[in-house]
Amino acid sequence: MKVTKGKKAPAFTAMNQKNETVSLADYAGKKLVLYFYPKDDTPGCTAEACDLRDNYERFIKAGYAILGVSPDSAKKHIRFIEKYTLPFDLLADEDHAVSEAYGVWKEKSMFGVKYMGIVRTTFVIDENGVVIDIIEKVDTKAHAKQVLA
């Protein structure tokens, strides 16, 4: 599925790190930064999460909630959150349903080996559930600046 700016964000339901059900509808009336990343506790993903963490108060003041999404399990998310003191929820998209709905579960290649995985992408969603920005060229060390620009 191709998600486009100016259109409604695809509805989703997934489990967070506490095994609580989270859906897009939970954020009705709020702005949401929905960021997809490949894997917990890897260099780029850690840099991105920590940059969002370090700028979390700026997001709150601007009226945003943050949700991270990866194919990692809830248990792995707990370890990642605790290790880096992340103040936002991470969704366990083990069946890739959310990443497929947003069109970020794609074929990738590393060292000539092809595999399926998340292509790092962030969707900024407004209070009405409309996608207002899509960031595909994520700067993991300055991602907050990209989102809040």
N, C-alpha and C. Protein backbone atom coordinates (compact mmCIF):
# COMPACT_ATOMS: atom_id res chain seq x y z
N MET A 1 0.84 -1.19 0.00
CA MET A 1 0.00 0.00 0.00
C MET A 1 0.88 1.24 0.00
N LYS A 2 0.48 2.23 -0.75
CA LYS A 2 1.23 3.49 -0.80
C LYS A 2 0.50 4.52 0.05
N VAL A 3 1.16 4.99 1.07
CA VAL A 3 0.61 6.03 1.94
C VAL A 3 1.07 7.37 1.36
N THR A 4 0.15 8.31 1.26
CA THR A 4 0.49 9.61 0.68
C THR A 4 0.09 10.75 1.61
N LYS A 5 0.85 11.84 1.49
CA LYS A 5 0.53 13.04 2.27
C LYS A 5 -0.84 13.55 1.87
N GLY A 6 -1.57 14.04 2.87
CA GLY A 6 -2.88 14.60 2.63
C GLY A 6 -4.01 13.58 2.69
N LYS A 7 -3.66 12.31 2.85
CA LYS A 7 -4.67 11.24 2.92
C LYS A 7 -4.71 10.68 4.35
N LYS A 8 -5.79 10.00 4.67
CA LYS A 8 -5.92 9.37 5.98
C LYS A 8 -4.83 8.32 6.17
N ALA A 9 -4.28 8.26 7.36
CA ALA A 9 -3.30 7.23 7.69
C ALA A 9 -4.02 5.89 7.83
N PRO A 10 -3.40 4.80 7.40
CA PRO A 10 -4.03 3.50 7.56
C PRO A 10 -4.26 3.18 9.04
N ALA A 11 -5.44 2.67 9.33
CA ALA A 11 -5.74 2.25 10.71
C ALA A 11 -4.85 1.06 11.06
N PHE A 12 -4.48 0.95 12.32
CA PHE A 12 -3.70 -0.20 12.76
C PHE A 12 -4.04 -0.52 14.20
N THR A 13 -3.75 -1.75 14.57
CA THR A 13 -3.81 -2.19 15.96
C THR A 13 -2.63 -3.13 16.16
N ALA A 14 -1.86 -2.91 17.22
CA ALA A 14 -0.70 -3.74 17.52
C ALA A 14 -0.47 -3.72 19.03
N MET A 15 0.41 -4.59 19.48
CA MET A 15 0.74 -4.67 20.90
C MET A 15 1.99 -3.84 21.18
N ASN A 16 1.96 -3.12 22.31
CA ASN A 16 3.16 -2.38 22.72
C ASN A 16 4.04 -3.28 23.59
N GLN A 17 5.08 -2.71 24.16
CA GLN A 17 6.02 -3.47 24.97
C GLN A 17 5.40 -4.05 26.23
N LYS A 18 4.26 -3.51 26.66
CA LYS A 18 3.58 -4.02 27.86
C LYS A 18 2.47 -4.99 27.50
N ASN A 19 2.44 -5.42 26.24
CA ASN A 19 1.39 -6.29 25.72
C ASN A 19 0.01 -5.65 25.83
N GLU A 20 -0.04 -4.34 25.69
CA GLU A 20 -1.30 -3.60 25.65
C GLU A 20 -1.62 -3.31 24.18
N THR A 21 -2.89 -3.39 23.84
CA THR A 21 -3.32 -3.10 22.48
C THR A 21 -3.29 -1.59 22.25
N VAL A 22 -2.66 -1.19 21.16
CA VAL A 22 -2.56 0.21 20.77
C VAL A 22 -3.09 0.33 19.34
N SER A 23 -3.89 1.35 19.09
CA SER A 23 -4.40 1.55 17.73
C SER A 23 -4.28 3.02 17.35
N LEU A 24 -4.36 3.28 16.06
CA LEU A 24 -4.33 4.66 15.59
C LEU A 24 -5.47 5.46 16.20
N ALA A 25 -6.61 4.82 16.39
CA ALA A 25 -7.78 5.49 16.97
C ALA A 25 -7.50 6.04 18.37
N ASP A 26 -6.55 5.43 19.08
CA ASP A 26 -6.18 5.91 20.42
C ASP A 26 -5.60 7.33 20.36
N TYR A 27 -5.15 7.74 19.20
CA TYR A 27 -4.50 9.05 19.04
C TYR A 27 -5.39 10.07 18.35
N ALA A 28 -6.67 9.77 18.22
CA ALA A 28 -7.61 10.72 17.62
C ALA A 28 -7.56 12.02 18.43
N GLY A 29 -7.45 13.14 17.75
CA GLY A 29 -7.37 14.43 18.42
C GLY A 29 -5.97 14.81 18.84
N LYS A 30 -4.98 13.93 18.55
CA LYS A 30 -3.58 14.21 18.90
C LYS A 30 -2.72 14.08 17.65
N LYS A 31 -1.60 14.77 17.65
CA LYS A 31 -0.63 14.61 16.57
C LYS A 31 0.27 13.43 16.94
N LEU A 32 0.68 12.68 15.93
CA LEU A 32 1.46 11.46 16.17
C LEU A 32 2.65 11.38 15.23
N VAL A 33 3.81 11.06 15.81
CA VAL A 33 4.99 10.71 15.04
C VAL A 33 5.06 9.19 15.09
N LEU A 34 4.83 8.55 13.95
CA LEU A 34 4.86 7.09 13.85
C LEU A 34 6.11 6.73 13.07
N TYR A 35 7.12 6.22 13.80
CA TYR A 35 8.39 5.95 13.12
C TYR A 35 8.65 4.45 13.06
N PHE A 36 9.01 4.00 11.87
CA PHE A 36 9.31 2.60 11.61
C PHE A 36 10.82 2.44 11.53
N TYR A 37 11.34 1.44 12.22
CA TYR A 37 12.78 1.21 12.22
C TYR A 37 13.03 -0.30 12.16
N PRO A 38 14.19 -0.72 11.64
CA PRO A 38 14.43 -2.14 11.40
C PRO A 38 14.59 -3.04 12.62
N LYS A 39 15.37 -2.61 13.64
CA LYS A 39 15.68 -3.56 14.71
C LYS A 39 16.16 -2.85 15.98
N ASP A 40 15.65 -3.30 17.11
CA ASP A 40 16.08 -2.77 18.41
C ASP A 40 17.58 -2.96 18.62
N ASP A 41 18.18 -1.97 19.30
CA ASP A 41 19.55 -2.07 19.80
C ASP A 41 20.60 -2.29 18.72
N THR A 42 20.38 -1.72 17.54
CA THR A 42 21.39 -1.70 16.49
C THR A 42 21.83 -0.24 16.35
N PRO A 43 23.00 0.02 15.80
CA PRO A 43 23.53 1.38 15.83
C PRO A 43 22.60 2.48 15.30
N GLY A 44 22.09 2.34 14.09
CA GLY A 44 21.23 3.38 13.52
C GLY A 44 19.92 3.52 14.26
N CYS A 45 19.34 2.39 14.63
CA CYS A 45 18.04 2.42 15.33
C CYS A 45 18.19 3.00 16.73
N THR A 46 19.30 2.71 17.37
CA THR A 46 19.55 3.26 18.70
C THR A 46 19.77 4.77 18.61
N ALA A 47 20.55 5.21 17.62
CA ALA A 47 20.78 6.66 17.44
C ALA A 47 19.47 7.39 17.21
N GLU A 48 18.60 6.81 16.38
CA GLU A 48 17.31 7.44 16.08
C GLU A 48 16.44 7.52 17.33
N ALA A 49 16.33 6.40 18.06
CA ALA A 49 15.50 6.37 19.27
C ALA A 49 16.03 7.35 20.32
N CYS A 50 17.35 7.41 20.48
CA CYS A 50 17.93 8.30 21.48
C CYS A 50 17.78 9.76 21.09
N ASP A 51 17.84 10.07 19.79
CA ASP A 51 17.61 11.45 19.35
C ASP A 51 16.17 11.86 19.65
N LEU A 52 15.22 10.97 19.39
CA LEU A 52 13.82 11.27 19.72
C LEU A 52 13.65 11.41 21.23
N ARG A 53 14.30 10.53 21.99
CA ARG A 53 14.26 10.62 23.46
C ARG A 53 14.81 11.95 23.95
N ASP A 54 15.96 12.35 23.42
CA ASP A 54 16.62 13.57 23.88
C ASP A 54 15.82 14.82 23.55
N ASN A 55 14.93 14.72 22.58
CA ASN A 55 14.09 15.85 22.17
C ASN A 55 12.63 15.65 22.54
N TYR A 56 12.36 14.68 23.40
CA TYR A 56 10.99 14.30 23.73
C TYR A 56 10.16 15.47 24.25
N GLU A 57 10.74 16.29 25.10
CA GLU A 57 10.00 17.44 25.66
C GLU A 57 9.59 18.41 24.56
N ARG A 58 10.42 18.57 23.55
CA ARG A 58 10.06 19.43 22.41
C ARG A 58 8.85 18.87 21.68
N PHE A 59 8.80 17.55 21.53
CA PHE A 59 7.65 16.92 20.88
C PHE A 59 6.39 17.13 21.70
N ILE A 60 6.50 16.93 23.01
CA ILE A 60 5.34 17.09 23.90
C ILE A 60 4.83 18.54 23.82
N LYS A 61 5.75 19.50 23.89
CA LYS A 61 5.35 20.92 23.82
C LYS A 61 4.69 21.25 22.50
N ALA A 62 5.09 20.56 21.43
CA ALA A 62 4.49 20.79 20.10
C ALA A 62 3.21 19.97 19.91
N GLY A 63 2.83 19.21 20.94
CA GLY A 63 1.57 18.46 20.89
C GLY A 63 1.64 17.09 20.24
N TYR A 64 2.84 16.52 20.15
CA TYR A 64 3.02 15.22 19.50
C TYR A 64 3.17 14.08 20.50
N ALA A 65 2.62 12.94 20.13
CA ALA A 65 2.94 11.66 20.77
C ALA A 65 3.91 10.96 19.81
N ILE A 66 4.71 10.04 20.33
CA ILE A 66 5.65 9.28 19.50
C ILE A 66 5.38 7.80 19.69
N LEU A 67 5.38 7.06 18.58
CA LEU A 67 5.28 5.60 18.61
C LEU A 67 6.33 5.04 17.66
N GLY A 68 7.14 4.11 18.15
CA GLY A 68 8.08 3.41 17.29
C GLY A 68 7.50 2.06 16.90
N VAL A 69 7.85 1.58 15.71
CA VAL A 69 7.36 0.29 15.22
C VAL A 69 8.51 -0.49 14.62
N SER A 70 8.69 -1.73 15.07
CA SER A 70 9.66 -2.63 14.46
C SER A 70 9.13 -4.06 14.57
N PRO A 71 9.76 -5.00 13.87
CA PRO A 71 9.30 -6.39 13.96
C PRO A 71 9.77 -7.11 15.23
N ASP A 72 10.45 -6.41 16.12
CA ASP A 72 10.91 -7.03 17.37
C ASP A 72 9.74 -7.38 18.28
N SER A 73 9.97 -8.32 19.18
CA SER A 73 8.95 -8.75 20.14
C SER A 73 8.79 -7.71 21.25
N ALA A 74 7.69 -7.82 21.97
CA ALA A 74 7.45 -6.94 23.13
C ALA A 74 8.58 -7.09 24.15
N LYS A 75 9.04 -8.31 24.35
CA LYS A 75 10.12 -8.57 25.31
C LYS A 75 11.41 -7.83 24.90
N LYS A 76 11.75 -7.87 23.63
CA LYS A 76 12.94 -7.14 23.15
C LYS A 76 12.74 -5.64 23.30
N HIS A 77 11.52 -5.18 23.04
CA HIS A 77 11.23 -3.75 23.20
C HIS A 77 11.43 -3.30 24.64
N ILE A 78 11.02 -4.11 25.60
CA ILE A 78 11.21 -3.76 27.01
C ILE A 78 12.69 -3.55 27.31
N ARG A 79 13.53 -4.48 26.85
CA ARG A 79 14.98 -4.36 27.08
C ARG A 79 15.53 -3.09 26.44
N PHE A 80 15.10 -2.80 25.22
CA PHE A 80 15.56 -1.61 24.48
C PHE A 80 15.13 -0.33 25.21
N ILE A 81 13.89 -0.29 25.63
CA ILE A 81 13.36 0.88 26.35
C ILE A 81 14.11 1.08 27.67
N GLU A 82 14.32 0.00 28.41
CA GLU A 82 15.01 0.11 29.70
C GLU A 82 16.47 0.50 29.53
N LYS A 83 17.14 -0.09 28.55
CA LYS A 83 18.56 0.19 28.33
C LYS A 83 18.81 1.66 28.00
N TYR A 84 17.90 2.26 27.21
CA TYR A 84 18.10 3.63 26.74
C TYR A 84 17.11 4.64 27.33
N THR A 85 16.33 4.22 28.32
CA THR A 85 15.36 5.09 29.00
C THR A 85 14.47 5.82 27.99
N LEU A 86 13.86 5.06 27.11
CA LEU A 86 12.98 5.66 26.10
C LEU A 86 11.64 5.99 26.73
N PRO A 87 11.13 7.21 26.53
CA PRO A 87 9.89 7.64 27.18
C PRO A 87 8.63 7.40 26.36
N PHE A 88 8.74 6.66 25.27
CA PHE A 88 7.59 6.42 24.39
C PHE A 88 7.43 4.92 24.14
N ASP A 89 6.25 4.54 23.70
CA ASP A 89 5.94 3.14 23.43
C ASP A 89 6.55 2.67 22.12
N LEU A 90 6.83 1.37 22.08
CA LEU A 90 7.28 0.71 20.86
C LEU A 90 6.29 -0.41 20.56
N LEU A 91 5.88 -0.50 19.31
CA LEU A 91 4.93 -1.52 18.91
C LEU A 91 5.65 -2.73 18.33
N ALA A 92 5.20 -3.91 18.75
CA ALA A 92 5.76 -5.18 18.28
C ALA A 92 4.98 -5.59 17.02
N ASP A 93 5.60 -5.39 15.88
CA ASP A 93 4.96 -5.70 14.59
C ASP A 93 5.55 -6.99 14.03
N GLU A 94 5.45 -8.05 14.83
CA GLU A 94 6.09 -9.32 14.47
C GLU A 94 5.51 -9.94 13.20
N ASP A 95 4.23 -9.68 12.92
CA ASP A 95 3.62 -10.24 11.71
C ASP A 95 3.69 -9.26 10.53
N HIS A 96 4.32 -8.11 10.74
CA HIS A 96 4.56 -7.08 9.72
C HIS A 96 3.28 -6.42 9.22
N ALA A 97 2.17 -6.62 9.90
CA ALA A 97 0.88 -6.07 9.44
C ALA A 97 0.89 -4.55 9.37
N VAL A 98 1.45 -3.90 10.40
CA VAL A 98 1.47 -2.43 10.42
C VAL A 98 2.45 -1.91 9.37
N SER A 99 3.64 -2.49 9.32
CA SER A 99 4.63 -2.02 8.34
C SER A 99 4.17 -2.29 6.91
N GLU A 100 3.45 -3.37 6.68
CA GLU A 100 2.90 -3.62 5.34
C GLU A 100 1.80 -2.60 5.01
N ALA A 101 0.95 -2.28 5.99
CA ALA A 101 -0.12 -1.31 5.76
C ALA A 101 0.45 0.07 5.39
N TYR A 102 1.62 0.39 5.93
CA TYR A 102 2.25 1.68 5.65
C TYR A 102 3.25 1.60 4.49
N GLY A 103 3.38 0.43 3.88
CA GLY A 103 4.23 0.28 2.70
C GLY A 103 5.71 0.34 2.97
N VAL A 104 6.14 0.00 4.20
CA VAL A 104 7.57 0.08 4.52
C VAL A 104 8.21 -1.30 4.72
N TRP A 105 7.45 -2.38 4.55
CA TRP A 105 7.99 -3.74 4.61
C TRP A 105 8.36 -4.10 3.17
N LYS A 106 9.66 -4.08 2.88
CA LYS A 106 10.11 -4.22 1.49
C LYS A 106 11.34 -5.11 1.40
N GLU A 107 11.65 -5.48 0.17
CA GLU A 107 12.88 -6.23 -0.06
C GLU A 107 14.06 -5.29 0.10
N LYS A 108 15.05 -5.76 0.85
CA LYS A 108 16.27 -4.99 1.08
C LYS A 108 17.45 -5.86 0.66
N SER A 109 18.62 -5.27 0.65
CA SER A 109 19.82 -6.02 0.27
C SER A 109 20.99 -5.56 1.13
N MET A 110 21.74 -6.53 1.64
CA MET A 110 22.95 -6.22 2.40
C MET A 110 24.03 -7.22 2.00
N PHE A 111 25.15 -6.71 1.56
CA PHE A 111 26.26 -7.54 1.11
C PHE A 111 25.80 -8.55 0.06
N GLY A 112 24.91 -8.11 -0.82
CA GLY A 112 24.43 -8.96 -1.90
C GLY A 112 23.34 -9.94 -1.53
N VAL A 113 22.97 -9.98 -0.25
CA VAL A 113 21.92 -10.90 0.20
C VAL A 113 20.61 -10.12 0.27
N LYS A 114 19.58 -10.66 -0.39
CA LYS A 114 18.27 -10.02 -0.38
C LYS A 114 17.42 -10.60 0.75
N TYR A 115 16.67 -9.74 1.40
CA TYR A 115 15.80 -10.16 2.50
C TYR A 115 14.69 -9.13 2.66
N MET A 116 13.64 -9.51 3.38
CA MET A 116 12.54 -8.59 3.64
C MET A 116 12.78 -7.90 4.99
N GLY A 117 12.45 -6.61 5.04
CA GLY A 117 12.62 -5.87 6.29
C GLY A 117 11.98 -4.50 6.20
N ILE A 118 12.03 -3.80 7.31
CA ILE A 118 11.47 -2.44 7.36
C ILE A 118 12.46 -1.46 6.75
N VAL A 119 11.95 -0.62 5.87
CA VAL A 119 12.71 0.50 5.34
C VAL A 119 12.41 1.68 6.26
N ARG A 120 13.45 2.18 6.92
CA ARG A 120 13.29 3.24 7.92
C ARG A 120 12.52 4.43 7.34
N THR A 121 11.37 4.71 7.93
CA THR A 121 10.48 5.77 7.44
C THR A 121 9.68 6.32 8.62
N THR A 122 9.39 7.61 8.59
CA THR A 122 8.56 8.23 9.63
C THR A 122 7.36 8.91 8.98
N PHE A 123 6.20 8.71 9.62
CA PHE A 123 4.96 9.34 9.18
C PHE A 123 4.51 10.29 10.29
N VAL A 124 4.23 11.53 9.91
CA VAL A 124 3.71 12.51 10.86
C VAL A 124 2.22 12.63 10.55
N ILE A 125 1.40 12.38 11.57
CA ILE A 125 -0.05 12.29 11.41
C ILE A 125 -0.70 13.38 12.26
N ASP A 126 -1.64 14.11 11.68
CA ASP A 126 -2.28 15.20 12.42
C ASP A 126 -3.43 14.70 13.31
N GLU A 127 -4.08 15.64 13.97
CA GLU A 127 -5.14 15.34 14.93
C GLU A 127 -6.34 14.63 14.31
N ASN A 128 -6.48 14.76 12.99
CA ASN A 128 -7.60 14.14 12.28
C ASN A 128 -7.23 12.82 11.61
N GLY A 129 -6.02 12.34 11.89
CA GLY A 129 -5.59 11.08 11.30
C GLY A 129 -5.09 11.19 9.88
N VAL A 130 -4.76 12.41 9.45
CA VAL A 130 -4.26 12.65 8.10
C VAL A 130 -2.74 12.72 8.12
N VAL A 131 -2.10 12.06 7.15
CA VAL A 131 -0.64 12.10 7.04
C VAL A 131 -0.23 13.48 6.53
N ILE A 132 0.55 14.20 7.34
CA ILE A 132 0.98 15.54 6.93
C ILE A 132 2.44 15.59 6.50
N ASP A 133 3.19 14.54 6.80
CA ASP A 133 4.58 14.47 6.34
C ASP A 133 5.03 13.02 6.33
N ILE A 134 5.90 12.70 5.37
CA ILE A 134 6.53 11.39 5.28
C ILE A 134 8.01 11.64 5.12
N ILE A 135 8.80 11.10 6.04
CA ILE A 135 10.25 11.28 5.99
C ILE A 135 10.87 9.93 5.64
N GLU A 136 11.41 9.85 4.42
CA GLU A 136 11.98 8.59 3.95
C GLU A 136 13.51 8.59 4.06
N LYS A 137 14.11 9.76 4.00
CA LYS A 137 15.57 9.85 4.15
C LYS A 137 15.85 10.30 5.58
N VAL A 138 15.77 9.35 6.48
CA VAL A 138 15.89 9.63 7.91
C VAL A 138 17.35 9.83 8.29
N ASP A 139 17.63 10.94 8.96
CA ASP A 139 18.94 11.19 9.55
C ASP A 139 18.84 10.70 10.99
N THR A 140 19.37 9.52 11.26
CA THR A 140 19.17 8.89 12.57
C THR A 140 19.71 9.72 13.72
N LYS A 141 20.73 10.54 13.46
CA LYS A 141 21.32 11.34 14.54
C LYS A 141 20.67 12.70 14.71
N ALA A 142 19.80 13.08 13.78
CA ALA A 142 19.13 14.39 13.86
C ALA A 142 17.68 14.27 13.40
N HIS A 143 17.04 13.17 13.78
CA HIS A 143 15.69 12.91 13.28
C HIS A 143 14.66 13.87 13.88
N ALA A 144 14.82 14.23 15.13
CA ALA A 144 13.88 15.17 15.76
C ALA A 144 13.85 16.48 14.98
N LYS A 145 15.01 16.94 14.56
CA LYS A 145 15.10 18.18 13.78
C LYS A 145 14.34 18.03 12.46
N GLN A 146 14.45 16.86 11.82
CA GLN A 146 13.72 16.62 10.57
C GLN A 146 12.21 16.69 10.80
N VAL A 147 11.75 16.09 11.87
CA VAL A 147 10.31 16.02 12.14
C VAL A 147 9.76 17.38 12.56
N LEU A 148 10.49 18.07 13.42
CA LEU A 148 10.00 19.33 13.98
C LEU A 148 10.31 20.55 13.12
N ALA A 149 10.98 20.34 11.99
CA ALA A 149 11.36 21.46 11.10
C ALA A 149 10.14 22.19 10.56
